Protein backbone atom coordinates (compact mmCIF):
# COMPACT_ATOMS: atom_id res chain seq x y z
CA UNK A 1 -27.06 -0.78 -58.10
CA UNK A 2 -26.46 0.61 -60.92
CA UNK A 3 -27.12 4.74 -61.37
CA UNK A 4 -29.81 3.87 -64.17
CA UNK A 5 -31.99 1.76 -62.16
CA UNK A 6 -31.45 3.95 -59.29
CA UNK A 7 -32.74 6.85 -61.30
CA UNK A 8 -35.69 4.38 -62.17
CA UNK A 9 -36.47 3.37 -58.79
CA UNK A 10 -36.21 7.21 -57.70
CA UNK A 11 -38.49 7.85 -60.74
CA UNK A 12 -41.17 5.26 -59.28
CA UNK A 13 -40.73 5.26 -55.60
CA UNK A 14 -41.81 9.37 -56.58
CA UNK A 15 -44.51 8.84 -58.46
CA UNK A 16 -45.84 6.03 -55.89
CA UNK A 17 -45.92 8.59 -53.19
CA UNK A 18 -47.63 11.23 -55.60
CA UNK A 19 -50.05 8.97 -56.39
CA UNK A 20 -50.89 8.00 -52.83
CA UNK A 21 -51.28 11.44 -51.92
CA UNK A 22 -53.86 11.51 -54.58
CA UNK A 23 -52.14 14.40 -56.77
CA UNK A 24 -50.09 12.59 -59.37
CA UNK A 25 -52.50 13.70 -61.87
CA UNK A 26 -51.67 17.13 -61.31
CA UNK A 27 -47.85 16.94 -61.40
CA UNK A 28 -45.65 15.51 -64.77
CA UNK A 29 -42.64 13.78 -63.18
CA UNK A 30 -39.54 12.66 -64.82
CA UNK A 31 -35.47 12.48 -64.69
CA UNK A 32 -34.06 14.86 -66.25
CA UNK A 33 -30.33 16.35 -67.19
CA UNK A 34 -29.95 19.82 -65.47
CA UNK A 35 -26.77 21.95 -66.56
CA UNK A 36 -24.85 22.96 -64.42
CA UNK A 37 -22.72 26.51 -64.21
CA UNK A 38 -19.41 24.68 -65.20
CA UNK A 39 -21.17 23.09 -68.18
CA UNK A 40 -21.75 19.47 -66.64
CA UNK A 41 -24.92 17.65 -66.02
CA UNK A 42 -26.62 16.06 -63.07
CA UNK A 43 -29.52 14.01 -63.28
CA UNK A 44 -32.65 15.48 -61.29
CA UNK A 45 -36.08 14.35 -60.47
CA UNK A 46 -38.81 17.22 -61.78
CA UNK A 47 -41.99 17.86 -61.42
CA UNK A 48 -43.71 19.78 -63.69
CA UNK A 49 -47.20 21.41 -62.66
CA UNK A 50 -49.60 23.85 -63.65
CA UNK A 51 -48.68 27.26 -61.41
CA UNK A 52 -50.53 30.87 -61.61
CA UNK A 53 -48.13 32.13 -64.44
CA UNK A 54 -47.86 28.44 -66.40
CA UNK A 55 -46.08 25.93 -66.54
CA UNK A 56 -43.37 25.61 -63.10
CA UNK A 57 -40.98 22.94 -62.42
CA UNK A 58 -39.94 21.89 -58.73
CA UNK A 59 -36.41 19.51 -59.07
CA UNK A 60 -34.60 17.96 -56.49
CA UNK A 61 -30.81 16.65 -57.27
CA UNK A 62 -30.24 12.91 -57.53
CA UNK A 63 -27.39 12.11 -55.31
CA UNK A 64 -25.62 8.68 -55.35
CA UNK A 65 -25.72 8.53 -51.80
CA UNK A 66 -28.48 6.18 -50.49
CA UNK A 67 -30.58 9.16 -49.64
CA UNK A 68 -34.05 9.22 -50.45
CA UNK A 69 -34.53 11.80 -53.01
CA UNK A 70 -38.21 10.97 -53.72
CA UNK A 71 -39.33 11.64 -50.21
CA UNK A 72 -37.70 14.98 -50.02
CA UNK A 73 -39.11 15.83 -53.77
CA UNK A 74 -42.79 14.64 -52.52
CA UNK A 75 -42.26 17.22 -49.27
CA UNK A 76 -42.29 19.65 -51.61
CA UNK A 77 -45.77 18.78 -53.35
CA UNK A 78 -47.74 17.62 -50.11
CA UNK A 79 -47.04 20.70 -48.61
CA UNK A 80 -48.67 22.50 -51.74
CA UNK A 81 -51.29 19.41 -51.83
CA UNK A 82 -54.60 22.01 -50.90
CA UNK A 83 -52.77 24.90 -53.27
CA UNK A 84 -52.42 22.12 -56.12
CA UNK A 85 -56.16 20.91 -55.90
CA UNK A 86 -57.73 24.41 -56.10
CA UNK A 87 -59.36 25.73 -58.62
CA UNK A 88 -57.28 28.55 -60.94
CA UNK A 89 -59.35 31.31 -59.08
CA UNK A 90 -58.40 30.03 -55.73
CA UNK A 91 -54.75 29.89 -56.70
CA UNK A 92 -55.11 33.66 -58.29
CA UNK A 93 -56.83 34.91 -54.83
CA UNK A 94 -53.82 33.46 -53.02
CA UNK A 95 -51.17 34.79 -55.71
CA UNK A 96 -52.72 38.10 -55.53
CA UNK A 97 -52.92 38.25 -51.30
CA UNK A 98 -49.33 37.34 -51.09
CA UNK A 99 -49.98 33.85 -50.17
CA UNK A 100 -47.44 31.40 -50.57
CA UNK A 101 -48.88 27.87 -51.72
CA UNK A 102 -47.79 26.53 -48.53
CA UNK A 103 -49.72 28.28 -46.64
CA UNK A 104 -53.04 28.09 -48.90
CA UNK A 105 -55.01 25.76 -46.60
CA UNK A 106 -54.95 28.29 -43.92
CA UNK A 107 -56.11 31.08 -46.50
CA UNK A 108 -58.74 29.27 -48.00
CA UNK A 109 -60.55 28.71 -44.66
CA UNK A 110 -61.15 32.58 -45.11
CA UNK A 111 -62.59 32.41 -48.39
């Protein structure tokens, strides 16, 4: 499979997984070029979302070795699903209490 086709498939797979989880509307997913320290570029799967301090981005490098980048990418967001779906006020409470977004569900039970 050509790299462009693999990139397109990875993007579609990630969007489908986030859609099935009910959070695609909270994450903008794209393929981007990320500059490395040596000046070269690599392709990454990027997910932009609204964080406590504004826009945040999570990326996963797209390797062409048959690994499932979309699943790894999805894992980051599904781990934070409850936090992503929380109100800005709830997110701020979590932030101020030092609660990591991945552990928001447990903290939210006490709100």
